[in-house]
Amino acid sequence: MATYDLTDDSVVVIIGSGAGGGTLANELCQKGVPVVLLEAGHRYTIDDFHNNEWEAFGQLSWLDKRTTSGTWRVAHDFAGLPAWICKTVGGSTVHWAGASLRLQAHEFKTRTTYGEMEGANLLDWPLDLAELEPYYARAEDKMGVTRTNGIPGLPGNNNFKVMYEGATRIGYKQVHTGRMAINSRPRDGRGSCLQLGFCFQGCKSGAKWSTLYTEIPKAEATGKLELRPQCQALQIQHGPDGKVTGVLYADKDGQQQVQKARAVAVAGNSIESPRLLLNSATSQYPDGLANSSGQVGRNYMRHTTGSVYAVFDRPVNMYRGTTMAGIIQDEAGHDPSRGFAGGYEMETLSLGLPFMAAFLDPGAWGREFTDAMDHYDHMAGMWIVGEDMPRGENGVTLHATEKDQFGLPVPNVNFDDHHNDEAMRNHAYKQGRAVYEAVGATRVYEVPPYPSTHNLGTCRMSEKARDGVCNKWGQTHDHANLFISDGSQFTTGGAENPTLTIVTLAIRQAEYITDQMGKNAI
């Protein structure tokens, strides 16, 4: 691993080591670019992971103070935990389930496709699917996505078999075990999935793709990467010409340091990335960096979610096998005759017993609740992933009085469902119920949304600087050498799990940054 001096202004500083930051670091290092990668969390190894939900949650999750507002159910049930993301090397690629789906063509052009929608801040992406397709292909190959590049799908567990039978009985056709970045056979020096059933807790076999043990070690092997774990970015600094010059951060000992930089890429997730930009306000940029449009922190999306669980008269043992073991895609297209714009996926999801107790009906107790827990091994379950509408009022702001351990304002996350989100969720509940009742479910539970795992928007791409934060390369409109490299750059969210698209954009962004550095444009 390389070591760079704090005064070395030839490096690219990347903040966050997850799908965007970890991938970008490796792609740049492979091209000979020196990189300092700042990660707020610890660096763990596969051996450190716990196949225990609560222990793993405490070990990996971002639990720093946050506040919430708005009418969304999460603000009521999980006021201090609006998002379930990771604070660890590898970011949320340690926690994610592995679903890897391309956005659809119409989802890049929602303003054109859906038209004017009251209460929604729709905008077309400044790029399209055709432009991304070759990069999607590279990302799928890099991640080893099943059902691409001749890689077979994973086997279906009981949870999937129940879903498949019910889905096909009510007429669904696009039902399979998914496109997953989990090895179905040995690949890239890692073994195949052992079906342990603890995907969210960190993959003990290493079969699931994570930047922790794929991109970052490969970047280190180039001799161009210095990874600095337990180093939390506090402020991005700039010069009088508006170019960013470095990053102020707190190191593992709590000491504040400044790393000089030729360019900075922010990949801290859609809550921490805008918070950092807003906390970087100066007299020259009193509203924060990259915020001439006033769009930093706005247009927060989290996907229209919820879950459906059902009890059967015989054991299902849904927790055995991959957590996300199958998908129904028939509802993913745009069909306004259903009463809403956009679409949604239905994906198998099993929660362990402790998390099921927390999430099935938050705050519930009594005979009905305990009866549901008694039948946990007879349950099957699915998660709804749908396109929610961007709204200017939904977003991340700095709290007026609450401070973090470094004395900086904590983020407040405000969210109100759009009527389109509510119509989609209700439709998905109805269809999920129909799937399970078709195979003899004795009870069905419509489960409210959990803390968000798909955090999108807040630093969105736009063709015009007045409408967003960055251009189609993730380069901020206001600062040529400041980039957005995570899901916060999404203009709209689509119906698909976002990680594949984040990796795809990072591969493409690395090419652009390298080209611009070669031209001395940054």
Protein backbone atom coordinates (compact mmCIF):
# COMPACT_ATOMS: atom_id res chain seq x y z
CA MET A 1 0.00 0.00 0.00
CA ALA A 2 1.23 3.49 -0.85
CA THR A 3 1.80 6.27 1.67
CA TYR A 4 1.24 9.89 0.68
CA ASP A 5 2.24 13.05 2.49
CA LEU A 6 -0.54 15.33 3.68
CA THR A 7 0.89 18.09 1.50
CA ASP A 8 0.90 15.96 -1.67
CA ASP A 9 -1.59 17.76 -3.93
CA SER A 10 -1.19 15.29 -6.79
CA VAL A 11 -3.60 12.76 -5.26
CA VAL A 12 -7.28 12.23 -5.82
CA VAL A 13 -9.01 12.07 -2.44
CA ILE A 14 -12.07 9.80 -2.35
CA ILE A 15 -14.43 10.00 0.62
CA GLY A 16 -16.19 6.70 1.25
CA SER A 17 -15.15 3.18 0.26
CA GLY A 18 -18.43 1.56 -0.79
CA ALA A 19 -19.79 0.71 -4.23
CA GLY A 20 -18.96 4.12 -5.68
CA GLY A 21 -15.83 5.14 -3.78
CA GLY A 22 -14.21 1.71 -3.59
CA THR A 23 -14.79 1.03 -7.28
CA LEU A 24 -13.59 4.49 -8.32
CA ALA A 25 -10.43 4.04 -6.25
CA ASN A 26 -9.52 0.79 -7.97
CA GLU A 27 -10.36 2.06 -11.45
CA LEU A 28 -8.18 5.15 -10.96
CA CYS A 29 -5.30 3.19 -9.42
CA GLN A 30 -5.34 0.73 -12.32
CA LYS A 31 -4.82 3.76 -14.58
CA GLY A 32 -1.84 4.94 -12.53
CA VAL A 33 -3.62 7.71 -10.60
CA PRO A 34 -2.53 8.17 -6.95
CA VAL A 35 -5.49 7.89 -4.55
CA VAL A 36 -6.08 8.56 -0.86
CA LEU A 37 -9.25 6.79 0.26
CA LEU A 38 -10.84 8.12 3.45
CA GLU A 39 -13.25 5.83 5.27
CA ALA A 40 -14.97 6.78 8.53
CA GLY A 41 -15.30 3.18 9.70
CA HIS A 42 -13.02 0.32 10.70
CA ARG A 43 -11.40 -2.13 8.33
CA TYR A 44 -12.68 -5.61 9.10
CA THR A 45 -11.84 -8.94 7.54
CA ILE A 46 -14.17 -11.78 6.62
CA ASP A 47 -13.14 -13.53 9.82
CA ASP A 48 -14.43 -10.56 11.84
CA PHE A 49 -18.02 -10.87 10.60
CA HIS A 50 -20.71 -12.14 12.97
CA ASN A 51 -23.45 -14.52 11.87
CA ASN A 52 -25.64 -12.82 14.45
CA GLU A 53 -27.95 -9.98 13.49
CA TRP A 54 -27.61 -7.69 16.49
CA GLU A 55 -23.85 -8.12 16.86
CA ALA A 56 -23.35 -7.49 13.13
CA PHE A 57 -25.67 -4.48 13.21
CA GLY A 58 -23.64 -2.90 16.00
CA GLN A 59 -20.37 -3.73 14.29
CA LEU A 60 -21.11 -2.50 10.76
CA SER A 61 -23.88 0.10 10.85
CA TRP A 62 -23.64 3.89 10.70
CA LEU A 63 -25.07 4.76 14.10
CA ASP A 64 -23.96 8.40 14.38
CA LYS A 65 -26.70 10.79 15.44
CA ARG A 66 -29.34 11.70 12.87
CA THR A 67 -32.79 13.21 13.14
CA THR A 68 -35.92 12.82 11.03
CA SER A 69 -39.01 14.78 10.09
CA GLY A 70 -41.96 14.40 7.77
CA THR A 71 -44.90 12.04 7.62
CA TRP A 72 -43.08 8.89 6.54
CA ARG A 73 -43.52 5.87 8.80
CA VAL A 74 -39.77 5.61 9.41
CA ALA A 75 -39.79 8.96 11.27
CA HIS A 76 -42.33 7.50 13.68
CA ASP A 77 -40.82 4.05 14.13
CA PHE A 78 -37.07 4.73 13.76
CA ALA A 79 -36.60 8.45 14.39
CA GLY A 80 -32.86 8.17 15.04
CA LEU A 81 -32.18 5.62 12.30
CA PRO A 82 -33.68 6.78 9.00
CA ALA A 83 -31.10 4.80 7.02
CA TRP A 84 -29.61 1.36 7.46
CA ILE A 85 -26.15 1.82 5.94
CA CYS A 86 -22.65 0.85 6.96
CA LYS A 87 -19.72 2.63 8.57
CA THR A 88 -16.91 0.30 7.60
CA VAL A 89 -14.38 -0.26 4.82
CA GLY A 90 -16.46 -1.52 1.93
CA GLY A 91 -19.42 0.60 2.98
CA SER A 92 -22.82 -0.88 2.34
CA THR A 93 -21.36 -3.44 -0.08
CA VAL A 94 -20.58 -5.37 3.13
CA HIS A 95 -24.29 -5.30 4.05
CA TRP A 96 -26.11 -5.40 0.72
CA ALA A 97 -28.01 -8.46 -0.51
CA GLY A 98 -26.33 -8.58 -3.95
CA ALA A 99 -29.23 -7.84 -6.34
CA SER A 100 -27.75 -6.32 -9.52
CA LEU A 101 -30.28 -4.99 -12.03
CA ARG A 102 -29.91 -2.46 -14.83
CA LEU A 103 -32.17 0.57 -14.88
CA GLN A 104 -34.68 0.49 -17.73
CA ALA A 105 -34.52 2.91 -20.66
CA HIS A 106 -37.62 4.88 -19.66
CA GLU A 107 -36.30 5.38 -16.12
CA PHE A 108 -33.59 7.70 -17.44
CA LYS A 109 -36.27 9.88 -19.06
CA THR A 110 -39.04 10.07 -16.49
CA ARG A 111 -39.91 13.73 -17.07
CA THR A 112 -40.43 12.97 -20.75
CA THR A 113 -42.21 9.66 -20.10
CA TYR A 114 -44.40 10.50 -17.11
CA GLY A 115 -45.04 14.14 -17.91
CA GLU A 116 -45.85 16.81 -15.35
CA MET A 117 -46.73 15.34 -11.95
CA GLU A 118 -48.04 17.58 -9.22
CA GLY A 119 -45.79 17.51 -6.17
CA ALA A 120 -42.94 15.75 -7.99
CA ASN A 121 -39.65 17.32 -9.07
CA LEU A 122 -39.07 15.08 -12.09
CA LEU A 123 -36.10 15.62 -14.37
CA ASP A 124 -34.59 13.55 -17.17
CA TRP A 125 -31.10 12.21 -16.57
CA PRO A 126 -28.48 13.92 -18.77
CA LEU A 127 -27.58 10.48 -20.17
CA ASP A 128 -29.46 7.41 -21.37
CA LEU A 129 -29.32 3.64 -21.19
CA ALA A 130 -27.50 3.28 -24.51
CA GLU A 131 -24.63 5.41 -23.19
CA LEU A 132 -24.35 3.28 -20.07
CA GLU A 133 -24.79 -0.18 -21.61
CA PRO A 134 -21.07 -0.87 -22.26
CA TYR A 135 -20.26 0.22 -18.71
CA TYR A 136 -23.07 -1.91 -17.32
CA ALA A 137 -21.47 -4.86 -19.10
CA ARG A 138 -18.11 -4.08 -17.52
CA ALA A 139 -19.68 -3.75 -14.08
CA GLU A 140 -21.50 -7.07 -14.43
CA ASP A 141 -18.28 -8.78 -15.41
CA LYS A 142 -16.35 -7.14 -12.57
CA MET A 143 -18.98 -8.10 -10.00
CA GLY A 144 -19.67 -11.58 -11.38
CA VAL A 145 -23.39 -10.98 -11.76
CA THR A 146 -25.32 -14.22 -12.25
CA ARG A 147 -27.23 -14.70 -15.52
CA THR A 148 -24.65 -12.51 -17.31
CA ASN A 149 -21.39 -13.52 -18.97
CA GLY A 150 -22.43 -17.17 -18.94
CA ILE A 151 -22.61 -17.26 -15.13
CA PRO A 152 -25.45 -19.52 -13.95
CA GLY A 153 -28.09 -18.35 -11.51
CA LEU A 154 -28.06 -19.26 -7.86
CA PRO A 155 -30.26 -22.12 -6.64
CA GLY A 156 -33.70 -21.28 -5.29
CA ASN A 157 -34.35 -21.79 -1.58
CA ASN A 158 -37.73 -22.56 -0.04
CA ASN A 159 -38.59 -18.88 0.18
CA PHE A 160 -38.15 -18.60 -3.58
CA LYS A 161 -40.04 -21.81 -4.30
CA VAL A 162 -43.08 -20.49 -2.43
CA MET A 163 -42.85 -17.17 -4.31
CA TYR A 164 -42.36 -18.88 -7.67
CA GLU A 165 -45.33 -21.19 -7.27
CA GLY A 166 -47.64 -18.38 -6.18
CA ALA A 167 -46.38 -15.96 -8.83
CA THR A 168 -46.82 -18.38 -11.70
CA ARG A 169 -50.28 -19.37 -10.48
CA ILE A 170 -51.51 -15.76 -10.75
CA GLY A 171 -49.93 -15.33 -14.17
CA TYR A 172 -46.54 -13.73 -13.61
CA LYS A 173 -43.88 -14.76 -16.15
CA GLN A 174 -40.65 -13.00 -15.14
CA VAL A 175 -39.83 -14.98 -12.01
CA HIS A 176 -36.32 -16.28 -11.34
CA THR A 177 -33.51 -16.33 -8.80
CA GLY A 178 -32.29 -12.95 -9.90
CA ARG A 179 -29.18 -11.29 -11.20
CA MET A 180 -26.98 -11.42 -8.14
CA ALA A 181 -23.37 -10.34 -7.50
CA ILE A 182 -22.86 -13.55 -5.54
CA ASN A 183 -20.69 -16.28 -7.02
CA SER A 184 -22.75 -19.26 -8.13
CA ARG A 185 -19.42 -20.91 -8.95
CA PRO A 186 -15.82 -20.00 -8.04
CA ARG A 187 -14.73 -16.79 -9.75
CA ASP A 188 -12.18 -14.02 -9.36
CA GLY A 189 -10.28 -15.91 -6.67
CA ARG A 190 -13.39 -16.29 -4.50
CA GLY A 191 -15.45 -19.39 -3.86
CA SER A 192 -19.10 -19.98 -4.59
CA CYS A 193 -22.04 -19.24 -2.30
CA LEU A 194 -22.45 -21.65 0.61
CA GLN A 195 -26.08 -20.60 1.19
CA LEU A 196 -25.35 -19.61 4.81
CA GLY A 197 -28.26 -17.19 5.01
CA PHE A 198 -26.41 -14.26 6.63
CA CYS A 199 -25.90 -11.98 3.62
CA PHE A 200 -26.66 -8.76 5.54
CA GLN A 201 -24.10 -9.51 8.25
CA GLY A 202 -21.09 -9.68 5.92
CA CYS A 203 -20.46 -12.68 3.70
CA LYS A 204 -18.32 -15.16 5.65
CA SER A 205 -17.41 -17.06 2.46
CA GLY A 206 -16.53 -14.00 0.37
CA ALA A 207 -18.80 -15.20 -2.44
CA LYS A 208 -20.74 -11.90 -2.41
CA TRP A 209 -19.00 -9.04 -4.20
CA SER A 210 -17.84 -6.32 -1.84
CA THR A 211 -15.27 -3.59 -2.39
CA LEU A 212 -13.80 -4.64 0.97
CA TYR A 213 -12.15 -7.72 -0.51
CA THR A 214 -12.33 -7.11 -4.28
CA GLU A 215 -11.72 -3.53 -5.44
CA ILE A 216 -9.71 -2.21 -2.50
CA PRO A 217 -7.11 -5.01 -2.30
CA LYS A 218 -6.69 -4.84 -6.07
CA ALA A 219 -6.14 -1.08 -5.84
CA GLU A 220 -3.61 -1.56 -3.04
CA ALA A 221 -1.73 -4.07 -5.18
CA THR A 222 -1.04 -1.34 -7.75
CA GLY A 223 0.98 0.61 -5.20
CA LYS A 224 -1.17 3.67 -5.91
CA LEU A 225 -3.73 3.50 -3.08
CA GLU A 226 -3.46 4.65 0.51
CA LEU A 227 -6.53 3.57 2.49
CA ARG A 228 -7.09 5.50 5.71
CA PRO A 229 -9.78 3.82 7.83
CA GLN A 230 -11.36 5.51 10.86
CA CYS A 231 -10.86 8.86 9.13
CA GLN A 232 -14.04 10.91 8.87
CA ALA A 233 -14.22 13.80 6.43
CA LEU A 234 -15.38 17.03 8.08
CA GLN A 235 -15.01 19.68 5.39
CA ILE A 236 -13.89 20.05 1.79
CA GLN A 237 -11.62 23.05 1.33
CA HIS A 238 -11.27 25.30 -1.70
CA GLY A 239 -9.17 28.12 -3.09
CA PRO A 240 -10.24 31.60 -4.25
CA ASP A 241 -10.70 30.27 -7.80
CA GLY A 242 -13.35 27.82 -6.60
CA LYS A 243 -11.30 24.70 -7.15
CA VAL A 244 -11.20 22.33 -4.20
CA THR A 245 -7.78 22.01 -2.60
CA GLY A 246 -8.11 19.35 0.07
CA VAL A 247 -10.14 17.63 2.76
CA LEU A 248 -10.20 18.33 6.48
CA TYR A 249 -10.75 15.09 8.36
CA ALA A 250 -10.54 13.60 11.84
CA ASP A 251 -8.09 10.68 12.00
CA LYS A 252 -8.38 7.52 14.09
CA ASP A 253 -6.99 9.36 17.11
CA GLY A 254 -9.49 12.21 16.76
CA GLN A 255 -6.83 14.61 15.50
CA GLN A 256 -7.79 16.91 12.65
CA GLN A 257 -5.69 16.67 9.51
CA VAL A 258 -5.84 18.21 6.04
CA GLN A 259 -5.03 16.11 2.99
CA LYS A 260 -4.25 18.23 -0.05
CA ALA A 261 -5.77 17.05 -3.31
CA ARG A 262 -5.80 17.53 -7.05
CA ALA A 263 -9.42 16.40 -7.11
CA VAL A 264 -11.97 15.19 -4.57
CA ALA A 265 -14.71 12.59 -5.07
CA VAL A 266 -17.52 12.35 -2.52
CA ALA A 267 -19.02 8.88 -2.05
CA GLY A 268 -20.47 8.95 1.44
CA ASN A 269 -24.07 7.88 0.64
CA SER A 270 -27.03 10.18 -0.02
CA ILE A 271 -27.20 11.44 3.54
CA GLU A 272 -23.56 12.02 4.43
CA SER A 273 -22.51 13.35 0.99
CA PRO A 274 -24.85 16.38 0.98
CA ARG A 275 -24.22 16.89 4.67
CA LEU A 276 -20.48 17.19 3.93
CA LEU A 277 -21.08 19.67 1.12
CA LEU A 278 -23.37 21.76 3.33
CA ASN A 279 -20.89 21.63 6.22
CA SER A 280 -18.20 22.90 3.84
CA ALA A 281 -19.84 26.34 3.57
CA THR A 282 -17.52 29.34 3.54
CA SER A 283 -17.92 33.09 3.07
CA GLN A 284 -17.43 32.51 -0.66
CA TYR A 285 -19.98 29.68 -0.71
CA PRO A 286 -22.32 30.42 2.21
CA ASP A 287 -24.84 27.77 1.10
CA GLY A 288 -22.23 25.02 0.88
CA LEU A 289 -20.14 23.68 -1.95
CA ALA A 290 -21.66 22.74 -5.33
CA ASN A 291 -24.91 24.40 -4.27
CA SER A 292 -25.45 27.35 -6.59
CA SER A 293 -28.67 25.65 -7.69
CA GLY A 294 -29.88 25.18 -4.13
CA GLN A 295 -30.33 21.48 -4.93
CA VAL A 296 -27.76 19.97 -2.54
CA GLY A 297 -29.67 17.80 -0.11
CA ARG A 298 -32.93 18.01 -2.04
CA ASN A 299 -34.83 15.34 -4.00
CA TYR A 300 -34.05 12.54 -1.55
CA MET A 301 -35.38 9.17 -2.68
CA ARG A 302 -35.42 5.87 -0.82
CA HIS A 303 -37.50 3.66 -3.13
CA THR A 304 -41.13 2.92 -2.46
CA THR A 305 -40.81 0.00 -0.07
CA GLY A 306 -42.66 -2.24 2.30
CA SER A 307 -42.78 -6.00 2.75
CA VAL A 308 -45.27 -8.81 2.59
CA TYR A 309 -44.86 -11.85 4.83
CA ALA A 310 -47.18 -14.86 4.92
CA VAL A 311 -47.65 -17.83 7.22
CA PHE A 312 -48.22 -21.34 5.85
CA ASP A 313 -49.40 -24.57 7.40
CA ARG A 314 -46.04 -26.23 6.82
CA PRO A 315 -42.48 -25.01 7.57
CA VAL A 316 -40.75 -22.79 5.00
CA ASN A 317 -37.56 -21.89 6.91
CA MET A 318 -37.07 -18.83 4.70
CA TYR A 319 -33.82 -17.91 6.48
CA ARG A 320 -31.96 -20.79 4.84
CA GLY A 321 -30.08 -19.83 1.70
CA THR A 322 -29.37 -16.42 0.21
CA THR A 323 -31.30 -13.57 1.81
CA MET A 324 -32.54 -12.24 -1.52
CA ALA A 325 -33.15 -15.50 -3.35
CA GLY A 326 -35.57 -14.54 -6.11
CA ILE A 327 -37.46 -11.82 -7.94
CA ILE A 328 -40.73 -11.06 -9.74
CA GLN A 329 -40.18 -8.42 -12.45
CA ASP A 330 -43.57 -8.34 -14.20
CA GLU A 331 -44.60 -5.14 -12.41
CA ALA A 332 -41.34 -3.27 -13.09
CA GLY A 333 -42.48 -1.54 -16.29
CA HIS A 334 -44.36 1.73 -16.69
CA ASP A 335 -48.08 1.04 -16.96
CA PRO A 336 -50.17 4.02 -15.81
CA SER A 337 -53.38 1.97 -16.10
CA ARG A 338 -52.49 0.59 -12.66
CA GLY A 339 -53.03 4.05 -11.19
CA PHE A 340 -49.40 5.17 -10.81
CA ALA A 341 -46.31 5.98 -12.84
CA GLY A 342 -43.24 3.77 -12.85
CA GLY A 343 -42.99 0.24 -11.55
CA TYR A 344 -41.71 -2.02 -8.83
CA GLU A 345 -39.88 -5.29 -8.22
CA MET A 346 -40.89 -7.95 -5.70
CA GLU A 347 -37.83 -9.65 -4.19
CA THR A 348 -37.67 -12.46 -1.68
CA LEU A 349 -36.40 -11.24 1.68
CA SER A 350 -35.87 -13.09 4.91
CA LEU A 351 -35.16 -11.33 8.17
CA GLY A 352 -33.78 -13.19 11.14
CA LEU A 353 -36.02 -13.61 14.17
CA PRO A 354 -34.66 -10.57 16.09
CA PHE A 355 -35.10 -8.22 13.12
CA MET A 356 -38.49 -9.73 12.30
CA ALA A 357 -39.60 -8.91 15.84
CA ALA A 358 -38.41 -5.32 15.36
CA PHE A 359 -39.79 -4.72 11.87
CA LEU A 360 -42.96 -6.82 11.41
CA ASP A 361 -45.13 -4.28 13.26
CA PRO A 362 -42.91 -1.81 15.14
CA GLY A 363 -44.08 -1.33 18.71
CA ALA A 364 -46.59 -4.16 18.59
CA TRP A 365 -47.10 -6.61 21.42
CA GLY A 366 -49.75 -9.02 22.60
CA ARG A 367 -51.18 -12.34 21.50
CA GLU A 368 -51.39 -11.63 17.76
CA PHE A 369 -47.78 -10.46 17.63
CA THR A 370 -46.40 -13.35 19.68
CA ASP A 371 -48.42 -15.80 17.59
CA ALA A 372 -46.73 -14.42 14.47
CA MET A 373 -43.31 -14.89 16.06
CA ASP A 374 -44.25 -18.45 17.06
CA HIS A 375 -44.85 -19.18 13.37
CA TYR A 376 -41.60 -17.61 12.15
CA ASP A 377 -40.33 -20.89 10.65
CA HIS A 378 -43.60 -21.19 8.69
CA MET A 379 -43.18 -17.76 7.04
CA ALA A 380 -42.23 -16.71 3.53
CA GLY A 381 -41.45 -13.10 2.72
CA MET A 382 -40.83 -10.54 0.01
CA TRP A 383 -39.65 -6.94 -0.20
CA ILE A 384 -41.12 -4.27 -2.47
CA VAL A 385 -38.64 -2.10 -4.42
CA GLY A 386 -40.36 0.61 -6.46
CA GLU A 387 -39.62 3.94 -8.07
CA ASP A 388 -40.50 6.80 -5.74
CA MET A 389 -40.93 10.34 -6.96
CA PRO A 390 -38.26 12.97 -6.28
CA ARG A 391 -39.66 15.88 -4.28
CA GLY A 392 -37.82 19.10 -3.54
CA GLU A 393 -39.06 19.08 0.05
CA ASN A 394 -37.68 15.61 0.69
CA GLY A 395 -34.07 15.79 1.65
CA VAL A 396 -31.17 16.37 3.97
CA THR A 397 -30.60 19.60 5.87
CA LEU A 398 -28.30 20.54 8.73
CA HIS A 399 -29.94 20.44 12.14
CA ALA A 400 -30.14 23.84 13.80
CA THR A 401 -28.93 22.70 17.24
CA GLU A 402 -27.89 19.02 17.30
CA LYS A 403 -24.15 18.41 16.86
CA ASP A 404 -22.06 15.31 16.27
CA GLN A 405 -18.93 14.20 18.12
CA PHE A 406 -16.87 16.67 16.07
CA GLY A 407 -19.12 19.64 16.82
CA LEU A 408 -20.70 19.70 13.36
CA PRO A 409 -24.46 19.87 12.70
CA VAL A 410 -26.03 16.44 12.26
CA PRO A 411 -28.21 15.69 9.23
CA ASN A 412 -31.97 15.84 9.43
CA VAL A 413 -33.75 13.64 6.90
CA ASN A 414 -37.20 14.85 5.87
CA PHE A 415 -39.54 12.71 3.80
CA ASP A 416 -43.19 12.69 2.81
CA ASP A 417 -44.60 10.06 0.46
CA HIS A 418 -45.87 11.32 -2.87
CA HIS A 419 -49.37 10.11 -3.75
CA ASN A 420 -47.76 8.05 -6.53
CA ASP A 421 -45.62 6.27 -3.93
CA GLU A 422 -48.67 5.42 -1.85
CA ALA A 423 -50.62 4.11 -4.84
CA MET A 424 -47.68 1.95 -5.89
CA ARG A 425 -47.17 0.53 -2.39
CA ASN A 426 -50.85 -0.34 -2.05
CA HIS A 427 -50.82 -2.08 -5.42
CA ALA A 428 -47.71 -4.02 -4.44
CA TYR A 429 -49.25 -5.07 -1.13
CA LYS A 430 -52.28 -6.39 -3.00
CA GLN A 431 -50.16 -8.31 -5.52
CA GLY A 432 -47.85 -9.71 -2.85
CA ARG A 433 -50.85 -10.92 -0.90
CA ALA A 434 -52.26 -12.54 -4.06
CA VAL A 435 -48.97 -14.40 -4.66
CA TYR A 436 -49.04 -15.97 -1.22
CA GLU A 437 -52.78 -16.63 -1.03
CA ALA A 438 -52.49 -18.50 -4.34
CA VAL A 439 -50.43 -21.14 -2.54
CA GLY A 440 -52.49 -21.39 0.61
CA ALA A 441 -51.23 -18.71 2.99
CA THR A 442 -53.16 -18.83 6.26
CA ARG A 443 -52.21 -15.26 7.21
CA VAL A 444 -50.61 -12.36 5.35
CA TYR A 445 -48.82 -9.39 6.94
CA GLU A 446 -48.37 -6.07 5.15
CA VAL A 447 -45.20 -4.73 6.76
CA PRO A 448 -44.38 -0.99 6.77
CA PRO A 449 -41.07 0.33 5.39
CA TYR A 450 -37.84 -0.30 7.30
CA PRO A 451 -34.98 2.19 7.72
CA SER A 452 -33.80 3.02 4.21
CA THR A 453 -31.11 0.96 2.51
CA HIS A 454 -31.45 2.51 -0.96
CA ASN A 455 -30.64 6.18 -0.40
CA LEU A 456 -30.67 8.15 -3.65
CA GLY A 457 -30.76 11.70 -4.97
CA THR A 458 -29.69 14.77 -2.90
CA CYS A 459 -26.83 15.66 -5.33
CA ARG A 460 -28.54 14.85 -8.59
CA MET A 461 -27.23 14.93 -12.14
CA SER A 462 -28.67 17.54 -14.46
CA GLU A 463 -28.05 18.88 -17.93
CA LYS A 464 -28.30 22.48 -16.70
CA ALA A 465 -26.51 23.76 -13.60
CA ARG A 466 -29.68 25.42 -12.31
CA ASP A 467 -31.47 22.06 -11.99
CA GLY A 468 -28.96 19.93 -10.11
CA VAL A 469 -25.56 19.47 -8.55
CA CYS A 470 -23.43 17.56 -11.07
CA ASN A 471 -23.22 16.78 -14.77
CA LYS A 472 -23.47 13.38 -16.43
CA TRP A 473 -19.95 12.48 -15.29
CA GLY A 474 -20.71 13.24 -11.65
CA GLN A 475 -18.58 16.40 -11.96
CA THR A 476 -20.12 19.21 -9.94
CA HIS A 477 -21.33 22.15 -12.00
CA ASP A 478 -19.67 24.64 -9.64
CA HIS A 479 -16.23 23.07 -9.07
CA ALA A 480 -14.41 21.34 -11.92
CA ASN A 481 -12.34 19.10 -9.64
CA LEU A 482 -15.12 18.05 -7.24
CA PHE A 483 -17.10 14.91 -8.08
CA ILE A 484 -20.11 13.01 -6.74
CA SER A 485 -19.52 9.27 -6.89
CA ASP A 486 -22.39 7.54 -5.11
CA GLY A 487 -26.17 7.11 -5.35
CA SER A 488 -26.77 10.74 -4.47
CA GLN A 489 -26.04 11.62 -8.11
CA PHE A 490 -29.14 9.70 -9.31
CA THR A 491 -31.58 12.03 -11.01
CA THR A 492 -34.40 9.57 -10.42
CA GLY A 493 -34.38 6.22 -8.66
CA GLY A 494 -35.91 3.65 -11.00
CA ALA A 495 -37.38 0.42 -9.72
CA GLU A 496 -34.09 -1.44 -9.50
CA ASN A 497 -31.63 -1.97 -6.66
CA PRO A 498 -29.04 0.78 -7.24
CA THR A 499 -25.63 -0.80 -6.57
CA LEU A 500 -24.97 -2.03 -10.11
CA THR A 501 -25.68 1.44 -11.49
CA ILE A 502 -23.45 3.08 -8.87
CA VAL A 503 -20.57 0.77 -9.87
CA THR A 504 -21.30 1.40 -13.55
CA LEU A 505 -21.15 5.17 -13.09
CA ALA A 506 -17.89 4.86 -11.09
CA ILE A 507 -16.20 2.91 -13.89
CA ARG A 508 -17.27 5.54 -16.38
CA GLN A 509 -16.32 8.41 -14.07
CA ALA A 510 -12.80 7.04 -13.63
CA GLU A 511 -12.27 7.24 -17.38
CA TYR A 512 -13.45 10.85 -17.39
CA ILE A 513 -11.32 11.93 -14.43
CA THR A 514 -8.22 10.30 -15.95
CA ASP A 515 -8.91 12.00 -19.28
CA GLN A 516 -9.41 15.40 -17.64
CA MET A 517 -6.22 15.01 -15.61
CA GLY A 518 -4.33 14.13 -18.78
CA LYS A 519 -5.59 17.33 -20.38
CA ASN A 520 -4.74 19.34 -17.22
CA ALA A 521 -8.39 20.37 -17.08
CA ILE A 522 -8.45 19.40 -13.41
